[in-house]
Each structure stands twice: as C-alpha cells, then as structure tokens.
Amino acid sequence: MSENSQFRFPGATGVGSLPGTDAREAAKTVTGSFEDFPFLAELPARGPGADMIGRTAGMLVELYARVEPSGWRLGDRPGRDTRRARSWLVEDLDALEEFTQGYEGELKVQAVGPWTLAAALELRNGEAALSDAGACRDLAASLAEGLRLHLAEVRRRVPGARLVLQLDEPSLTAVLRGHVRTASGYRTHRAVDRQVVEATLRDVVAAAGGEPVTVHSCAPDVPFALLRRAGAAAVSFDFALLTERDDEAIGEAVEAGTRLFAGVVPGTDGPLSDPAGSVMGVRTLWRRLGLHPGLLAEAVTVTPACGLAGASPAYARRALAHCVRAARSLADIPE
C-alpha cells in the first residue's frame, strides 16, 4: 500500500474552476455543495491571473511572469500581472476562510504541476521553458517553495482542515511523448525522459509536507503508474477518456492504495443522468478488473470530468450536487 493509503478521501469534490467572477459566491457554492470535501475555487472568467497558469505563476518564488500576446512569459521582476494574480488569490482565500469558520475535514487546493507549467510558460526567447532543462529545474524548485508557502497560508486560515493538494497536469502526456509544439508551431519539443519527469514530480509532491497529493489530467492516456511512483495519493481524470488499455495500470493503482478521482459528470451544460447512471461505468470497470464491489466507496471519489469554468452558474451548481448524489449511490449500492 502507498504511504498515503491510510488517508480516507471523502466521496465527492470538484475539480477547481467555476464560472463567474464573484469569489464569495463561489466559496458559498463550494462549501454548500461539499460538506466534507470543499475546494478553493478558481474563477478564470476574471481574466489573466485568474486562469490556471497565471494563478500558479503568481505563487512562484523568485520567478515572475507577465502576459504577452502569445501567453505567459517569465521575467525578472514582479509586474502588474503578478500582482493581479496574487490579489485574486488573496480574495479567494478571504472568501474561503469566511465560509469555513470552524470547519474540520478535508479541503482541496489546486495548482498547476511542474510539467504543464513548463510547457505553458515562455522563456525570454518565446520558447516554452520545457525547451531548457535548467529552466525546468528552476521552475520546479520555485513552484515547490511557492506551494509550501501557499499550503502554510491555507492552514493558517482554516486551521481545522486536512489539506489535499491537487496538481493540474493536463500537458503531462504530451510532455512525455514529445507532442508539445514549439513557438513556430512547425516542430515539437523533444520528449522528456520519464525518469526526469517522475523525479521532478516527486520533488514537488514532497513540497506538500506529507499532505496527500492528487494529480489531475483531463487528457487521454494518463500515466497512472508513473504518478503512483512519484508519490501521488490519488489520480484525477476524465473517466470518459479511459480505454481498456488503461485497465492494468488502474487495477495496480487501486491495489496499491491509490485513490481514483473519477470525472464522471460532464463539465459543460447538458442533461444529467440519474446519479446511479453517472457511476455505471465505474461499476463496469470494477467488474472488468475483478475488484471487490465493497472497495468502490473506499477507492473512488466522484468529480466533474474537468473544471466547470465553461458551464453556466446554474449547471455548475447542479453538477456539484450531482457528484455528491452519485458518490452516495456508489457507497449505498456498490453492486
């Protein structure tokens, strides 16, 4: 079993992003939806600095980024974009603190992982930091220190919480396969060695100081085994993108004590099935793997398929409530 296998994750939570621009409304929605596993909401509709890359860039220590027409670019000093990202994060933390007075339980916070960050942040020459091994190391070290400080701040504000850190790594598979495009768009960056990817992730996971870490990707072909070896206590993914070739890695992960954050609720507006129908695929997977149905509630946390930033506020609230009902269905009727 993994060292985090004794940690008991609740049955449902969100991924991270929500529609809208009101931090208090988002915190109210999250804490009202998830009594035992709320999360620090992200509101990218506010603009650059509230997006996932800009938000995490604002957490970096002794590295700074600014918005260019092509995206976020590393620079020498903090500017308006860094200050705006940090200001919005403080606003979100203020709102979360207000709605979690006296809360004791799991609380999830999200940040972009080192490899998606390296694929997204540009160096001065306009190429991704991914193109420079030294830049990748510096970025990962800065991120690790920034996450230590961020988690300490959340602990101070919500002292009864048991923190869970989510690292968003949607570009991880592209990094491993050499599919990240260069600035010109005509070539791709060389694939990064799997051992280097794993070691870097392990170092950033260690920055959580023993708190459980989940790694999220809503891209196909999530590298479950690599993430497990890097120390992830859980893997968060879009369930609809799984194929049977993922079965072996998922089975090994579950048997090793890795939690699955199964994204089964659509992230954009549309009809929702009944809660039991939303987790039917999870039950089918369980039977295919030959796993005991009684393990379902212990091994699976139900989430939306990805962030809800592109949804309407009304649908986002329905989707979060639906996750809770679907998780209850898994626990009450595992067969």
Protein backbone atom coordinates (compact mmCIF):
# COMPACT_ATOMS: atom_id res chain seq x y z
CA MET A 1 0.00 0.00 0.00
CA SER A 2 1.15 3.58 -0.63
CA GLU A 3 2.22 5.72 2.30
CA ASN A 4 -0.99 7.76 1.89
CA SER A 5 -3.22 4.71 1.71
CA GLN A 6 -4.44 5.25 5.28
CA PHE A 7 -5.84 8.63 4.30
CA ARG A 8 -9.60 8.48 3.79
CA PHE A 9 -10.78 10.73 0.97
CA PRO A 10 -14.45 11.72 1.06
CA GLY A 11 -16.75 10.56 -1.73
CA ALA A 12 -17.10 13.66 -3.91
CA THR A 13 -15.49 17.01 -4.68
CA GLY A 14 -14.97 19.43 -7.56
CA VAL A 15 -12.01 19.83 -9.89
CA GLY A 16 -11.23 23.50 -9.36
CA SER A 17 -12.64 26.08 -11.74
CA LEU A 18 -16.14 27.55 -11.63
CA PRO A 19 -17.97 30.08 -13.81
CA GLY A 20 -18.43 33.68 -12.72
CA THR A 21 -16.27 36.33 -11.07
CA ASP A 22 -17.60 36.56 -7.50
CA ALA A 23 -15.25 34.89 -5.01
CA ARG A 24 -17.79 34.90 -2.16
CA GLU A 25 -20.48 33.34 -4.31
CA ALA A 26 -18.02 30.65 -5.45
CA ALA A 27 -16.94 29.85 -1.89
CA LYS A 28 -20.58 29.70 -0.80
CA THR A 29 -21.40 27.32 -3.66
CA VAL A 30 -18.44 25.04 -2.93
CA THR A 31 -18.92 24.81 0.83
CA GLY A 32 -22.67 24.38 0.39
CA SER A 33 -22.18 21.58 -2.13
CA PHE A 34 -19.44 19.62 -0.35
CA GLU A 35 -19.87 19.46 3.39
CA ASP A 36 -16.86 17.18 3.83
CA PHE A 37 -14.57 17.95 0.86
CA PRO A 38 -14.76 21.59 -0.32
CA PHE A 39 -12.06 23.13 -2.50
CA LEU A 40 -10.54 26.53 -3.17
CA ALA A 41 -12.45 27.68 -6.25
CA GLU A 42 -10.74 29.21 -9.29
CA LEU A 43 -12.58 31.83 -11.38
CA PRO A 44 -10.75 32.24 -14.70
CA ALA A 45 -13.52 34.45 -16.13
CA ARG A 46 -11.94 37.34 -14.20
CA GLY A 47 -9.14 37.37 -16.77
CA PRO A 48 -5.35 36.83 -16.92
CA GLY A 49 -4.02 35.97 -13.50
CA ALA A 50 -7.18 34.10 -12.55
CA ASP A 51 -6.52 31.44 -15.22
CA MET A 52 -4.78 28.28 -14.03
CA ILE A 53 -1.36 29.20 -15.47
CA GLY A 54 -1.42 32.80 -14.25
CA ARG A 55 -2.69 31.80 -10.81
CA THR A 56 0.14 29.33 -10.30
CA ALA A 57 2.70 31.71 -11.82
CA GLY A 58 1.70 34.13 -9.08
CA MET A 59 2.67 31.53 -6.46
CA LEU A 60 6.23 31.14 -7.76
CA VAL A 61 9.11 32.23 -5.52
CA GLU A 62 11.82 34.45 -7.09
CA LEU A 63 10.38 33.81 -10.56
CA TYR A 64 7.83 36.10 -12.15
CA ALA A 65 5.66 36.04 -15.23
CA ARG A 66 3.81 38.59 -17.31
CA VAL A 67 1.20 38.35 -20.04
CA GLU A 68 2.40 38.65 -23.64
CA PRO A 69 0.25 38.28 -26.78
CA SER A 70 1.49 34.68 -27.04
CA GLY A 71 0.83 33.81 -23.39
CA TRP A 72 2.60 33.96 -20.03
CA ARG A 73 6.33 34.77 -20.19
CA LEU A 74 8.92 34.61 -17.42
CA GLY A 75 10.57 37.92 -16.50
CA ASP A 76 12.97 39.44 -13.98
CA ARG A 77 10.60 41.23 -11.62
CA PRO A 78 7.01 41.15 -10.45
CA GLY A 79 4.74 43.36 -12.56
CA ARG A 80 1.08 44.21 -12.82
CA ASP A 81 0.10 40.69 -13.91
CA THR A 82 1.85 39.03 -10.97
CA ARG A 83 0.28 41.48 -8.53
CA ARG A 84 -3.16 40.89 -10.02
CA ALA A 85 -2.79 37.09 -9.79
CA ARG A 86 -1.72 37.33 -6.16
CA SER A 87 -4.51 39.77 -5.33
CA TRP A 88 -7.16 37.46 -6.73
CA LEU A 89 -5.72 34.51 -4.83
CA VAL A 90 -5.93 36.51 -1.59
CA GLU A 91 -9.54 37.43 -2.45
CA ASP A 92 -10.37 33.75 -2.97
CA LEU A 93 -8.67 32.78 0.29
CA ASP A 94 -10.56 35.51 2.16
CA ALA A 95 -13.85 34.14 0.82
CA LEU A 96 -12.95 30.55 1.61
CA GLU A 97 -11.91 31.50 5.15
CA GLU A 98 -15.23 33.27 5.67
CA PHE A 99 -17.26 30.21 4.68
CA THR A 100 -15.13 27.62 6.50
CA GLN A 101 -15.22 29.05 10.03
CA GLY A 102 -14.88 26.11 12.41
CA TYR A 103 -14.56 23.61 9.54
CA GLU A 104 -12.78 20.35 10.30
CA GLY A 105 -12.27 17.98 7.41
CA GLU A 106 -10.63 17.61 4.02
CA LEU A 107 -10.01 20.74 1.97
CA LYS A 108 -8.52 20.68 -1.54
CA VAL A 109 -6.39 23.37 -3.13
CA GLN A 110 -5.16 23.30 -6.73
CA ALA A 111 -2.06 24.46 -8.60
CA VAL A 112 -0.59 23.67 -11.99
CA GLY A 113 2.04 20.93 -11.85
CA PRO A 114 5.67 21.48 -12.93
CA TRP A 115 5.44 19.92 -16.40
CA THR A 116 2.28 21.64 -17.58
CA LEU A 117 3.75 24.87 -16.20
CA ALA A 118 7.00 24.25 -18.12
CA ALA A 119 5.01 23.61 -21.30
CA ALA A 120 2.96 26.80 -20.87
CA LEU A 121 5.40 29.43 -19.53
CA GLU A 122 7.68 31.05 -22.10
CA LEU A 123 11.32 31.99 -21.72
CA ARG A 124 12.55 35.38 -22.96
CA ASN A 125 13.12 33.95 -26.43
CA GLY A 126 9.47 32.95 -26.69
CA GLU A 127 10.05 29.21 -26.43
CA ALA A 128 8.48 27.18 -23.65
CA ALA A 129 10.54 26.65 -20.51
CA LEU A 130 10.22 22.98 -21.46
CA SER A 131 12.94 23.58 -24.08
CA ASP A 132 15.58 24.21 -21.38
CA ALA A 133 16.37 21.53 -18.77
CA GLY A 134 17.86 24.10 -16.40
CA ALA A 135 14.78 26.29 -16.67
CA CYS A 136 12.60 23.28 -15.88
CA ARG A 137 14.62 22.57 -12.73
CA ASP A 138 14.45 26.20 -11.61
CA LEU A 139 10.73 26.33 -12.28
CA ALA A 140 10.04 23.15 -10.32
CA ALA A 141 12.10 24.38 -7.36
CA SER A 142 10.32 27.74 -7.38
CA LEU A 143 6.95 26.03 -7.60
CA ALA A 144 7.77 23.68 -4.72
CA GLU A 145 8.70 26.59 -2.46
CA GLY A 146 5.63 28.56 -3.54
CA LEU A 147 3.38 25.61 -2.75
CA ARG A 148 4.91 25.23 0.72
CA LEU A 149 4.08 28.87 1.44
CA HIS A 150 0.60 28.59 -0.07
CA LEU A 151 -0.29 25.50 1.95
CA ALA A 152 1.01 27.14 5.13
CA GLU A 153 -1.25 30.15 4.44
CA VAL A 154 -4.29 27.92 3.90
CA ARG A 155 -3.51 26.04 7.14
CA ARG A 156 -3.33 29.36 8.98
CA ARG A 157 -6.69 30.47 7.61
CA VAL A 158 -8.52 27.14 8.02
CA PRO A 159 -6.70 25.53 10.95
CA GLY A 160 -9.09 22.59 11.28
CA ALA A 161 -8.68 21.48 7.68
CA ARG A 162 -6.78 18.44 6.47
CA LEU A 163 -5.31 19.70 3.22
CA VAL A 164 -5.18 17.87 -0.09
CA LEU A 165 -3.02 19.36 -2.84
CA GLN A 166 -4.13 18.87 -6.44
CA LEU A 167 -1.51 19.31 -9.16
CA ASP A 168 -3.10 20.00 -12.54
CA GLU A 169 -1.07 18.26 -15.26
CA PRO A 170 -3.14 18.23 -18.48
CA SER A 171 0.04 18.53 -20.61
CA LEU A 172 1.91 15.70 -18.88
CA THR A 173 1.26 13.05 -21.53
CA ALA A 174 2.23 15.49 -24.31
CA VAL A 175 5.48 16.24 -22.46
CA LEU A 176 6.27 12.54 -22.14
CA ARG A 177 5.54 11.87 -25.82
CA GLY A 178 7.20 14.94 -27.32
CA HIS A 179 3.93 16.43 -28.55
CA VAL A 180 4.32 19.97 -27.13
CA ARG A 181 4.68 22.36 -30.06
CA THR A 182 7.47 24.91 -30.37
CA ALA A 183 6.70 28.63 -30.69
CA SER A 184 6.74 28.39 -34.50
CA GLY A 185 4.21 25.58 -34.44
CA TYR A 186 6.22 23.64 -37.04
CA ARG A 187 8.11 21.37 -34.65
CA THR A 188 7.62 19.78 -31.26
CA HIS A 189 9.84 19.84 -28.21
CA ARG A 190 11.79 16.68 -27.54
CA ALA A 191 10.13 14.20 -25.19
CA VAL A 192 11.37 14.50 -21.61
CA ASP A 193 12.86 11.34 -20.10
CA ARG A 194 10.29 9.54 -17.93
CA GLN A 195 12.70 9.27 -15.01
CA VAL A 196 13.29 13.02 -15.06
CA VAL A 197 9.53 13.65 -15.21
CA GLU A 198 8.93 11.28 -12.31
CA ALA A 199 11.75 12.67 -10.15
CA THR A 200 10.59 16.26 -10.66
CA LEU A 201 7.02 15.36 -9.77
CA ARG A 202 8.26 13.53 -6.69
CA ASP A 203 10.11 16.66 -5.53
CA VAL A 204 7.03 18.84 -5.99
CA VAL A 205 4.79 16.27 -4.27
CA ALA A 206 7.23 16.37 -1.33
CA ALA A 207 6.57 20.11 -1.02
CA ALA A 208 3.14 19.22 0.36
CA GLY A 209 4.91 18.22 3.56
CA GLY A 210 3.18 14.88 3.93
CA GLU A 211 -0.27 16.09 2.91
CA PRO A 212 -1.84 13.82 0.28
CA VAL A 213 -1.44 14.93 -3.32
CA THR A 214 -3.72 14.15 -6.24
CA VAL A 215 -2.63 14.75 -9.82
CA HIS A 216 -5.34 15.81 -12.24
CA SER A 217 -5.40 15.47 -16.02
CA CYS A 218 -8.43 15.64 -18.31
CA ALA A 219 -6.29 14.48 -21.26
CA PRO A 220 -6.21 10.90 -22.62
CA ASP A 221 -3.61 8.32 -21.57
CA VAL A 222 -2.96 9.47 -18.02
CA PRO A 223 0.30 7.80 -16.82
CA PHE A 224 -1.15 6.18 -13.71
CA ALA A 225 1.91 4.08 -12.84
CA LEU A 226 4.33 7.00 -13.15
CA LEU A 227 2.15 9.20 -10.95
CA ARG A 228 1.87 6.47 -8.34
CA ARG A 229 5.65 6.05 -8.25
CA ALA A 230 6.04 9.83 -7.93
CA GLY A 231 4.07 9.72 -4.70
CA ALA A 232 0.58 10.76 -5.77
CA ALA A 233 -2.01 9.51 -3.30
CA ALA A 234 -4.73 9.92 -5.93
CA VAL A 235 -5.14 10.43 -9.65
CA SER A 236 -7.93 12.63 -11.04
CA PHE A 237 -9.10 12.06 -14.62
CA ASP A 238 -11.91 12.28 -17.16
CA PHE A 239 -13.50 8.85 -16.90
CA ALA A 240 -14.91 9.04 -20.45
CA LEU A 241 -11.37 9.07 -21.88
CA LEU A 242 -10.36 5.73 -20.37
CA THR A 243 -9.86 2.76 -22.66
CA GLU A 244 -9.37 -0.89 -21.83
CA ARG A 245 -5.62 -0.48 -22.27
CA ASP A 246 -5.72 1.58 -19.05
CA ASP A 247 -7.19 -1.35 -17.10
CA GLU A 248 -3.96 -2.90 -15.89
CA ALA A 249 -2.49 0.39 -14.66
CA ILE A 250 -5.74 1.30 -12.89
CA GLY A 251 -6.01 -2.11 -11.26
CA GLU A 252 -2.44 -1.88 -10.00
CA ALA A 253 -3.04 1.64 -8.72
CA VAL A 254 -6.15 0.64 -6.77
CA GLU A 255 -4.41 -2.39 -5.27
CA ALA A 256 -1.50 -0.16 -4.24
CA GLY A 257 -3.90 2.13 -2.37
CA THR A 258 -4.10 4.95 -4.92
CA ARG A 259 -7.43 6.80 -4.84
CA LEU A 260 -9.24 7.41 -8.13
CA PHE A 261 -10.92 10.78 -8.62
CA ALA A 262 -13.30 9.68 -11.37
CA GLY A 263 -14.59 12.54 -13.51
CA VAL A 264 -17.99 11.19 -14.50
CA VAL A 265 -20.17 14.33 -14.53
CA PRO A 266 -19.95 16.44 -17.73
CA GLY A 267 -18.15 19.76 -17.32
CA THR A 268 -20.41 21.76 -19.62
CA ASP A 269 -24.16 22.31 -19.73
CA GLY A 270 -26.26 19.35 -20.72
CA PRO A 271 -28.69 16.81 -19.32
CA LEU A 272 -27.59 14.84 -16.27
CA SER A 273 -28.49 11.19 -15.92
CA ASP A 274 -29.71 9.78 -12.64
CA PRO A 275 -26.89 9.54 -10.05
CA ALA A 276 -26.62 5.75 -10.34
CA GLY A 277 -26.34 6.08 -14.12
CA SER A 278 -23.44 8.51 -13.79
CA VAL A 279 -21.33 5.90 -11.98
CA MET A 280 -22.47 2.88 -14.01
CA GLY A 281 -19.21 2.96 -15.97
CA VAL A 282 -17.21 2.88 -12.74
CA ARG A 283 -19.07 -0.25 -11.64
CA THR A 284 -18.49 -1.83 -15.05
CA LEU A 285 -14.76 -1.09 -14.79
CA TRP A 286 -14.70 -2.63 -11.31
CA ARG A 287 -16.27 -5.85 -12.56
CA ARG A 288 -13.89 -5.98 -15.53
CA LEU A 289 -10.91 -5.63 -13.18
CA GLY A 290 -12.27 -8.27 -10.82
CA LEU A 291 -12.16 -5.86 -7.89
CA HIS A 292 -14.44 -6.27 -4.87
CA PRO A 293 -17.53 -4.01 -5.13
CA GLY A 294 -17.16 -3.12 -1.46
CA LEU A 295 -13.93 -1.29 -2.32
CA LEU A 296 -15.72 1.21 -4.56
CA ALA A 297 -16.53 3.84 -1.94
CA GLU A 298 -13.07 3.44 -0.40
CA ALA A 299 -11.26 3.81 -3.73
CA VAL A 300 -13.30 6.31 -5.76
CA THR A 301 -14.08 10.00 -5.32
CA VAL A 302 -16.65 11.33 -7.79
CA THR A 303 -15.91 14.63 -9.58
CA PRO A 304 -16.88 16.51 -12.72
CA ALA A 305 -14.94 15.41 -15.81
CA CYS A 306 -12.92 18.64 -15.73
CA GLY A 307 -13.23 22.19 -14.46
CA LEU A 308 -16.61 23.92 -14.72
CA ALA A 309 -15.41 27.33 -15.95
CA GLY A 310 -17.23 26.84 -19.27
CA ALA A 311 -20.54 25.94 -17.67
CA SER A 312 -23.41 28.21 -16.66
CA PRO A 313 -23.59 29.01 -12.93
CA ALA A 314 -26.86 27.10 -12.59
CA TYR A 315 -25.45 24.00 -14.29
CA ALA A 316 -22.25 24.19 -12.21
CA ARG A 317 -24.29 24.08 -9.01
CA ARG A 318 -26.33 21.14 -10.34
CA ALA A 319 -23.18 19.28 -11.41
CA LEU A 320 -21.54 19.63 -7.99
CA ALA A 321 -24.69 18.44 -6.22
CA HIS A 322 -24.94 15.58 -8.71
CA CYS A 323 -21.40 14.44 -7.80
CA VAL A 324 -22.45 14.12 -4.17
CA ARG A 325 -25.54 12.09 -5.06
CA ALA A 326 -23.57 9.85 -7.44
CA ALA A 327 -20.96 9.18 -4.74
CA ARG A 328 -23.74 8.27 -2.32
CA SER A 329 -25.08 5.85 -4.89
CA LEU A 330 -21.69 4.15 -5.13
CA ALA A 331 -21.47 3.81 -1.37
CA ASP A 332 -25.06 2.67 -0.81
CA ILE A 333 -25.36 0.28 -3.76
CA PRO A 334 -21.85 -0.91 -4.64
CA GLU A 335 -23.08 -3.84 -6.75
